[in-house]
Amino acid sequence: MSAPGLNLSPASRGQTRRVRPYMPQLYQIQKRNKTSSMIEFKYNQEHQFAMYFANALNDEIALKILSTGNVDSPVDARQLSLFFWKMVDKSIEMETSGVGFPWTERAEYWTEKLYNTLGGFLENIGYGEIWDEEVDNA
């Protein structure tokens, strides 16, 4: 408050005042562009693990997606989801047959990391339903 008769508004001092509408900043939600987000692997070995199995399975589509980090369509989302479950099956098969892997952790450790990374990624770019369908089909 100002003293009576004292006008301290910006207009009285020769300044113009821009009025901005009130917009709460707390819970702004931004919809992601389905083609602009990239898979973010938390660990380098996580990416290496996925690439190892994409090569072992001769999965060219998974190799492309994992190399670029991009899922450009629902078809790519489905292929990545299917690859994940093929990778799980192949890693179990290889581990039980005594095949040595180039990392110290068990395959289950990295498949759990990738489950969160790939599932979360597909959810964030709008393909969570496709991931969930393949989880239910596994």
N, C-alpha and C. Protein backbone atom coordinates (compact mmCIF):
# COMPACT_ATOMS: atom_id res chain seq x y z
N MET A 1 0.83 -1.18 0.00
CA MET A 1 0.00 0.00 0.00
C MET A 1 0.87 1.23 0.00
N SER A 2 0.38 2.25 -0.65
CA SER A 2 1.14 3.50 -0.67
C SER A 2 0.40 4.55 0.16
N ALA A 3 1.13 5.60 0.46
CA ALA A 3 0.54 6.69 1.25
C ALA A 3 -0.56 7.36 0.45
N PRO A 4 -1.57 7.95 1.12
CA PRO A 4 -2.65 8.62 0.40
C PRO A 4 -2.11 9.69 -0.54
N GLY A 5 -2.65 9.72 -1.72
CA GLY A 5 -2.25 10.72 -2.70
C GLY A 5 -0.97 10.36 -3.46
N LEU A 6 -0.30 9.30 -3.09
CA LEU A 6 0.93 8.89 -3.74
C LEU A 6 0.63 7.72 -4.68
N ASN A 7 0.79 7.95 -5.96
CA ASN A 7 0.48 6.92 -6.96
C ASN A 7 1.79 6.36 -7.50
N LEU A 8 2.08 5.11 -7.17
CA LEU A 8 3.32 4.49 -7.59
C LEU A 8 3.11 3.47 -8.71
N SER A 9 1.96 3.53 -9.36
CA SER A 9 1.72 2.57 -10.44
C SER A 9 2.68 2.84 -11.58
N PRO A 10 3.02 1.82 -12.36
CA PRO A 10 3.95 2.01 -13.47
C PRO A 10 3.48 3.09 -14.44
N ALA A 11 2.18 3.19 -14.68
CA ALA A 11 1.67 4.19 -15.62
C ALA A 11 1.91 5.60 -15.11
N SER A 12 1.83 5.80 -13.79
CA SER A 12 2.04 7.15 -13.24
C SER A 12 3.50 7.56 -13.31
N ARG A 13 4.39 6.61 -13.47
CA ARG A 13 5.81 6.93 -13.57
C ARG A 13 6.27 6.96 -15.01
N GLY A 14 5.31 6.92 -15.95
CA GLY A 14 5.66 6.98 -17.36
C GLY A 14 6.02 5.63 -17.94
N GLN A 15 5.77 4.56 -17.23
CA GLN A 15 6.09 3.21 -17.70
C GLN A 15 4.80 2.52 -18.14
N THR A 16 4.93 1.71 -19.11
CA THR A 16 3.78 0.91 -19.49
C THR A 16 3.88 -0.43 -18.78
N ARG A 17 2.76 -0.98 -18.47
CA ARG A 17 2.73 -2.23 -17.73
C ARG A 17 2.08 -3.30 -18.60
N ARG A 18 2.79 -4.37 -18.77
CA ARG A 18 2.23 -5.50 -19.52
C ARG A 18 1.44 -6.38 -18.56
N VAL A 19 0.26 -6.71 -18.95
CA VAL A 19 -0.56 -7.58 -18.12
C VAL A 19 -0.51 -8.97 -18.72
N ARG A 20 -0.07 -9.90 -17.90
CA ARG A 20 0.00 -11.29 -18.35
C ARG A 20 -1.07 -12.07 -17.60
N PRO A 21 -1.77 -12.90 -18.30
CA PRO A 21 -2.78 -13.70 -17.60
C PRO A 21 -2.11 -14.66 -16.62
N TYR A 22 -2.81 -14.92 -15.55
CA TYR A 22 -2.29 -15.85 -14.55
C TYR A 22 -2.30 -17.25 -15.13
N MET A 23 -1.15 -17.88 -15.11
CA MET A 23 -1.05 -19.26 -15.60
C MET A 23 -0.24 -20.05 -14.59
N PRO A 24 -0.87 -20.97 -13.90
CA PRO A 24 -0.10 -21.75 -12.92
C PRO A 24 0.98 -22.56 -13.60
N GLN A 25 2.15 -22.57 -13.01
CA GLN A 25 3.31 -23.25 -13.59
C GLN A 25 3.52 -24.65 -13.02
N LEU A 26 2.78 -25.04 -12.01
CA LEU A 26 3.08 -26.27 -11.31
C LEU A 26 2.89 -27.55 -12.12
N TYR A 27 1.80 -27.71 -12.78
CA TYR A 27 1.49 -28.99 -13.40
C TYR A 27 1.29 -28.87 -14.90
N GLN A 28 2.22 -28.26 -15.55
CA GLN A 28 2.12 -28.16 -16.99
C GLN A 28 2.47 -29.51 -17.59
N ILE A 29 1.64 -29.99 -18.47
CA ILE A 29 1.87 -31.26 -19.13
C ILE A 29 2.16 -30.98 -20.59
N GLN A 30 3.24 -31.51 -21.07
CA GLN A 30 3.59 -31.33 -22.47
C GLN A 30 3.44 -32.67 -23.17
N LYS A 31 2.70 -32.67 -24.24
CA LYS A 31 2.57 -33.88 -25.04
C LYS A 31 3.80 -33.99 -25.93
N ARG A 32 4.43 -35.12 -25.91
CA ARG A 32 5.64 -35.31 -26.70
C ARG A 32 5.30 -35.61 -28.15
N ASN A 33 6.18 -35.17 -29.00
CA ASN A 33 6.06 -35.50 -30.42
C ASN A 33 6.56 -36.93 -30.58
N LYS A 34 5.75 -37.77 -31.18
CA LYS A 34 6.07 -39.19 -31.27
C LYS A 34 7.35 -39.48 -32.04
N THR A 35 7.82 -38.57 -32.85
CA THR A 35 9.03 -38.86 -33.61
C THR A 35 10.25 -38.10 -33.10
N SER A 36 10.10 -37.26 -32.09
CA SER A 36 11.24 -36.45 -31.68
C SER A 36 11.95 -36.98 -30.44
N SER A 37 11.34 -37.86 -29.68
CA SER A 37 11.97 -38.38 -28.47
C SER A 37 12.86 -39.57 -28.82
N MET A 38 13.90 -39.71 -28.05
CA MET A 38 14.82 -40.83 -28.26
C MET A 38 14.88 -41.68 -27.00
N ILE A 39 15.15 -42.96 -27.18
CA ILE A 39 15.31 -43.85 -26.05
C ILE A 39 16.51 -43.38 -25.24
N GLU A 40 16.31 -43.22 -23.95
CA GLU A 40 17.40 -42.81 -23.07
C GLU A 40 17.76 -43.98 -22.16
N PHE A 41 18.89 -44.59 -22.44
CA PHE A 41 19.35 -45.70 -21.63
C PHE A 41 20.07 -45.14 -20.42
N LYS A 42 19.75 -45.66 -19.26
CA LYS A 42 20.35 -45.17 -18.03
C LYS A 42 21.82 -45.60 -17.93
N TYR A 43 22.11 -46.76 -18.49
CA TYR A 43 23.47 -47.31 -18.43
C TYR A 43 23.92 -47.71 -19.83
N ASN A 44 25.18 -47.51 -20.12
CA ASN A 44 25.73 -47.90 -21.41
C ASN A 44 25.59 -49.41 -21.63
N GLN A 45 25.80 -50.20 -20.56
CA GLN A 45 25.69 -51.66 -20.68
C GLN A 45 24.27 -52.09 -21.04
N GLU A 46 23.30 -51.33 -20.63
CA GLU A 46 21.90 -51.62 -20.95
C GLU A 46 21.70 -51.57 -22.47
N HIS A 47 22.26 -50.54 -23.09
CA HIS A 47 22.19 -50.41 -24.54
C HIS A 47 22.99 -51.53 -25.20
N GLN A 48 24.18 -51.81 -24.68
CA GLN A 48 25.01 -52.89 -25.23
C GLN A 48 24.29 -54.23 -25.16
N PHE A 49 23.62 -54.49 -24.04
CA PHE A 49 22.87 -55.73 -23.86
C PHE A 49 21.79 -55.86 -24.93
N ALA A 50 21.02 -54.79 -25.14
CA ALA A 50 19.95 -54.82 -26.14
C ALA A 50 20.52 -55.01 -27.54
N MET A 51 21.60 -54.33 -27.86
CA MET A 51 22.22 -54.47 -29.18
C MET A 51 22.78 -55.88 -29.36
N TYR A 52 23.37 -56.44 -28.32
CA TYR A 52 23.90 -57.80 -28.37
C TYR A 52 22.80 -58.77 -28.79
N PHE A 53 21.63 -58.65 -28.17
CA PHE A 53 20.54 -59.58 -28.49
C PHE A 53 19.86 -59.24 -29.81
N ALA A 54 19.82 -58.00 -30.20
CA ALA A 54 19.29 -57.67 -31.52
C ALA A 54 20.15 -58.34 -32.60
N ASN A 55 21.46 -58.33 -32.38
CA ASN A 55 22.38 -59.03 -33.30
C ASN A 55 22.22 -60.54 -33.22
N ALA A 56 22.14 -61.08 -32.00
CA ALA A 56 21.99 -62.52 -31.82
C ALA A 56 20.70 -63.04 -32.46
N LEU A 57 19.66 -62.21 -32.44
CA LEU A 57 18.37 -62.60 -33.01
C LEU A 57 18.24 -62.20 -34.48
N ASN A 58 19.28 -61.57 -35.02
CA ASN A 58 19.24 -61.06 -36.41
C ASN A 58 18.00 -60.19 -36.66
N ASP A 59 17.69 -59.36 -35.70
CA ASP A 59 16.50 -58.49 -35.78
C ASP A 59 16.90 -57.12 -36.32
N GLU A 60 16.79 -56.97 -37.63
CA GLU A 60 17.21 -55.73 -38.30
C GLU A 60 16.40 -54.51 -37.84
N ILE A 61 15.12 -54.71 -37.61
CA ILE A 61 14.27 -53.59 -37.18
C ILE A 61 14.68 -53.13 -35.78
N ALA A 62 14.89 -54.08 -34.88
CA ALA A 62 15.34 -53.72 -33.52
C ALA A 62 16.70 -53.04 -33.57
N LEU A 63 17.59 -53.54 -34.41
CA LEU A 63 18.91 -52.90 -34.56
C LEU A 63 18.78 -51.45 -35.00
N LYS A 64 17.90 -51.20 -35.96
CA LYS A 64 17.68 -49.83 -36.44
C LYS A 64 17.13 -48.94 -35.32
N ILE A 65 16.12 -49.45 -34.63
CA ILE A 65 15.50 -48.66 -33.55
C ILE A 65 16.51 -48.40 -32.44
N LEU A 66 17.24 -49.42 -32.04
CA LEU A 66 18.21 -49.26 -30.95
C LEU A 66 19.39 -48.39 -31.36
N SER A 67 19.77 -48.45 -32.63
CA SER A 67 20.89 -47.62 -33.12
C SER A 67 20.51 -46.15 -33.18
N THR A 68 19.30 -45.87 -33.65
CA THR A 68 18.87 -44.47 -33.78
C THR A 68 18.22 -43.94 -32.51
N GLY A 69 17.65 -44.86 -31.72
CA GLY A 69 16.93 -44.44 -30.51
C GLY A 69 15.54 -43.93 -30.81
N ASN A 70 15.08 -44.09 -32.06
CA ASN A 70 13.79 -43.54 -32.47
C ASN A 70 12.77 -44.62 -32.77
N VAL A 71 11.55 -44.38 -32.35
CA VAL A 71 10.40 -45.18 -32.73
C VAL A 71 9.51 -44.23 -33.51
N ASP A 72 9.36 -44.50 -34.81
CA ASP A 72 8.68 -43.56 -35.69
C ASP A 72 7.22 -43.88 -35.98
N SER A 73 6.74 -45.04 -35.54
CA SER A 73 5.38 -45.43 -35.90
C SER A 73 4.88 -46.49 -34.92
N PRO A 74 3.57 -46.76 -34.97
CA PRO A 74 3.03 -47.85 -34.15
C PRO A 74 3.66 -49.20 -34.53
N VAL A 75 4.01 -49.37 -35.79
CA VAL A 75 4.66 -50.61 -36.23
C VAL A 75 6.01 -50.75 -35.54
N ASP A 76 6.79 -49.69 -35.48
CA ASP A 76 8.08 -49.71 -34.77
C ASP A 76 7.86 -50.03 -33.28
N ALA A 77 6.85 -49.42 -32.69
CA ALA A 77 6.55 -49.65 -31.27
C ALA A 77 6.24 -51.12 -31.03
N ARG A 78 5.45 -51.71 -31.92
CA ARG A 78 5.10 -53.13 -31.80
C ARG A 78 6.35 -54.00 -31.97
N GLN A 79 7.18 -53.67 -32.96
CA GLN A 79 8.40 -54.45 -33.21
C GLN A 79 9.35 -54.38 -32.02
N LEU A 80 9.49 -53.21 -31.42
CA LEU A 80 10.37 -53.06 -30.26
C LEU A 80 9.82 -53.86 -29.08
N SER A 81 8.53 -53.83 -28.90
CA SER A 81 7.89 -54.60 -27.82
C SER A 81 8.09 -56.09 -28.03
N LEU A 82 7.88 -56.55 -29.25
CA LEU A 82 8.08 -57.98 -29.56
C LEU A 82 9.54 -58.38 -29.39
N PHE A 83 10.44 -57.50 -29.83
CA PHE A 83 11.87 -57.77 -29.67
C PHE A 83 12.22 -57.97 -28.20
N PHE A 84 11.67 -57.13 -27.35
CA PHE A 84 11.99 -57.25 -25.92
C PHE A 84 11.70 -58.66 -25.42
N TRP A 85 10.54 -59.20 -25.75
CA TRP A 85 10.18 -60.53 -25.25
C TRP A 85 10.99 -61.63 -25.92
N LYS A 86 11.35 -61.46 -27.19
CA LYS A 86 12.25 -62.42 -27.83
C LYS A 86 13.62 -62.39 -27.15
N MET A 87 14.06 -61.18 -26.79
CA MET A 87 15.33 -61.02 -26.11
C MET A 87 15.30 -61.72 -24.75
N VAL A 88 14.22 -61.58 -24.01
CA VAL A 88 14.09 -62.24 -22.72
C VAL A 88 14.20 -63.76 -22.90
N ASP A 89 13.45 -64.30 -23.85
CA ASP A 89 13.49 -65.75 -24.09
C ASP A 89 14.88 -66.21 -24.50
N LYS A 90 15.51 -65.47 -25.40
CA LYS A 90 16.85 -65.84 -25.88
C LYS A 90 17.89 -65.75 -24.76
N SER A 91 17.78 -64.72 -23.92
CA SER A 91 18.75 -64.57 -22.83
C SER A 91 18.61 -65.71 -21.83
N ILE A 92 17.39 -66.16 -21.56
CA ILE A 92 17.18 -67.30 -20.66
C ILE A 92 17.77 -68.56 -21.28
N GLU A 93 17.48 -68.76 -22.56
CA GLU A 93 18.00 -69.93 -23.29
C GLU A 93 19.53 -69.96 -23.25
N MET A 94 20.14 -68.83 -23.54
CA MET A 94 21.61 -68.77 -23.59
C MET A 94 22.21 -68.93 -22.21
N GLU A 95 21.61 -68.31 -21.22
CA GLU A 95 22.15 -68.39 -19.87
C GLU A 95 22.05 -69.81 -19.31
N THR A 96 20.93 -70.48 -19.56
CA THR A 96 20.78 -71.85 -19.04
C THR A 96 21.66 -72.85 -19.79
N SER A 97 22.04 -72.52 -21.02
CA SER A 97 22.93 -73.42 -21.75
C SER A 97 24.41 -73.12 -21.49
N GLY A 98 24.67 -72.16 -20.61
CA GLY A 98 26.04 -71.88 -20.20
C GLY A 98 26.81 -70.92 -21.07
N VAL A 99 26.13 -70.22 -21.96
CA VAL A 99 26.81 -69.24 -22.80
C VAL A 99 27.27 -68.07 -21.92
N GLY A 100 28.51 -67.69 -22.07
CA GLY A 100 29.04 -66.56 -21.32
C GLY A 100 28.70 -65.24 -21.99
N PHE A 101 28.35 -64.27 -21.18
CA PHE A 101 28.01 -62.94 -21.69
C PHE A 101 29.15 -61.97 -21.40
N PRO A 102 29.25 -60.90 -22.16
CA PRO A 102 30.35 -59.94 -21.96
C PRO A 102 30.12 -58.95 -20.81
N TRP A 103 29.21 -59.22 -19.89
CA TRP A 103 28.99 -58.35 -18.74
C TRP A 103 28.92 -59.24 -17.51
N THR A 104 29.12 -58.65 -16.35
CA THR A 104 29.21 -59.45 -15.12
C THR A 104 27.84 -59.78 -14.53
N GLU A 105 26.86 -58.92 -14.72
CA GLU A 105 25.53 -59.17 -14.16
C GLU A 105 24.80 -60.25 -14.95
N ARG A 106 23.87 -60.88 -14.30
CA ARG A 106 23.04 -61.88 -14.98
C ARG A 106 22.13 -61.18 -15.98
N ALA A 107 21.66 -61.95 -16.96
CA ALA A 107 20.79 -61.40 -18.00
C ALA A 107 19.51 -60.82 -17.40
N GLU A 108 19.00 -61.44 -16.35
CA GLU A 108 17.77 -60.96 -15.72
C GLU A 108 17.92 -59.51 -15.24
N TYR A 109 19.08 -59.17 -14.75
CA TYR A 109 19.34 -57.80 -14.28
C TYR A 109 19.12 -56.80 -15.40
N TRP A 110 19.70 -57.08 -16.58
CA TRP A 110 19.59 -56.14 -17.70
C TRP A 110 18.21 -56.17 -18.35
N THR A 111 17.56 -57.33 -18.37
CA THR A 111 16.21 -57.35 -18.95
C THR A 111 15.24 -56.55 -18.07
N GLU A 112 15.45 -56.58 -16.77
CA GLU A 112 14.60 -55.76 -15.88
C GLU A 112 14.83 -54.26 -16.14
N LYS A 113 16.08 -53.88 -16.31
CA LYS A 113 16.38 -52.47 -16.63
C LYS A 113 15.73 -52.07 -17.95
N LEU A 114 15.86 -52.95 -18.95
CA LEU A 114 15.30 -52.64 -20.27
C LEU A 114 13.77 -52.64 -20.25
N TYR A 115 13.17 -53.47 -19.43
CA TYR A 115 11.71 -53.47 -19.29
C TYR A 115 11.25 -52.07 -18.89
N ASN A 116 11.91 -51.50 -17.90
CA ASN A 116 11.55 -50.15 -17.44
C ASN A 116 11.88 -49.08 -18.48
N THR A 117 13.04 -49.19 -19.09
CA THR A 117 13.47 -48.18 -20.06
C THR A 117 12.57 -48.18 -21.29
N LEU A 118 12.38 -49.35 -21.89
CA LEU A 118 11.61 -49.42 -23.14
C LEU A 118 10.13 -49.20 -22.89
N GLY A 119 9.60 -49.80 -21.83
CA GLY A 119 8.19 -49.59 -21.51
C GLY A 119 7.89 -48.14 -21.17
N GLY A 120 8.76 -47.53 -20.38
CA GLY A 120 8.58 -46.12 -20.03
C GLY A 120 8.70 -45.22 -21.24
N PHE A 121 9.65 -45.51 -22.09
CA PHE A 121 9.84 -44.73 -23.32
C PHE A 121 8.59 -44.80 -24.20
N LEU A 122 8.10 -46.00 -24.44
CA LEU A 122 6.92 -46.14 -25.30
C LEU A 122 5.70 -45.47 -24.67
N GLU A 123 5.58 -45.55 -23.38
CA GLU A 123 4.48 -44.86 -22.68
C GLU A 123 4.59 -43.35 -22.89
N ASN A 124 5.78 -42.81 -22.74
CA ASN A 124 5.99 -41.36 -22.86
C ASN A 124 5.72 -40.83 -24.26
N ILE A 125 5.92 -41.64 -25.27
CA ILE A 125 5.69 -41.15 -26.63
C ILE A 125 4.33 -41.55 -27.19
N GLY A 126 3.49 -42.11 -26.32
CA GLY A 126 2.12 -42.39 -26.73
C GLY A 126 1.84 -43.80 -27.21
N TYR A 127 2.81 -44.71 -27.03
CA TYR A 127 2.61 -46.09 -27.47
C TYR A 127 2.56 -47.08 -26.30
N GLY A 128 2.18 -46.60 -25.14
CA GLY A 128 2.10 -47.45 -23.97
C GLY A 128 1.10 -48.59 -24.13
N GLU A 129 0.03 -48.34 -24.84
CA GLU A 129 -0.99 -49.37 -25.04
C GLU A 129 -0.42 -50.55 -25.83
N ILE A 130 0.40 -50.25 -26.81
CA ILE A 130 1.04 -51.32 -27.60
C ILE A 130 1.96 -52.14 -26.71
N TRP A 131 2.77 -51.47 -25.88
CA TRP A 131 3.66 -52.17 -24.96
C TRP A 131 2.83 -53.06 -24.03
N ASP A 132 1.75 -52.51 -23.47
CA ASP A 132 0.92 -53.26 -22.53
C ASP A 132 0.29 -54.49 -23.20
N GLU A 133 -0.11 -54.36 -24.44
CA GLU A 133 -0.67 -55.51 -25.17
C GLU A 133 0.35 -56.63 -25.28
N GLU A 134 1.60 -56.26 -25.58
CA GLU A 134 2.63 -57.30 -25.72
C GLU A 134 3.05 -57.88 -24.38
N VAL A 135 2.98 -57.08 -23.32
CA VAL A 135 3.24 -57.60 -21.98
C VAL A 135 2.17 -58.66 -21.65
N ASP A 136 0.92 -58.35 -21.97
CA ASP A 136 -0.16 -59.30 -21.72
C ASP A 136 -0.04 -60.56 -22.57
N ASN A 137 0.52 -60.44 -23.77
CA ASN A 137 0.67 -61.59 -24.67
C ASN A 137 1.90 -62.44 -24.36
N ALA A 138 2.79 -61.93 -23.54
CA ALA A 138 4.05 -62.65 -23.28
C ALA A 138 3.84 -63.87 -22.40
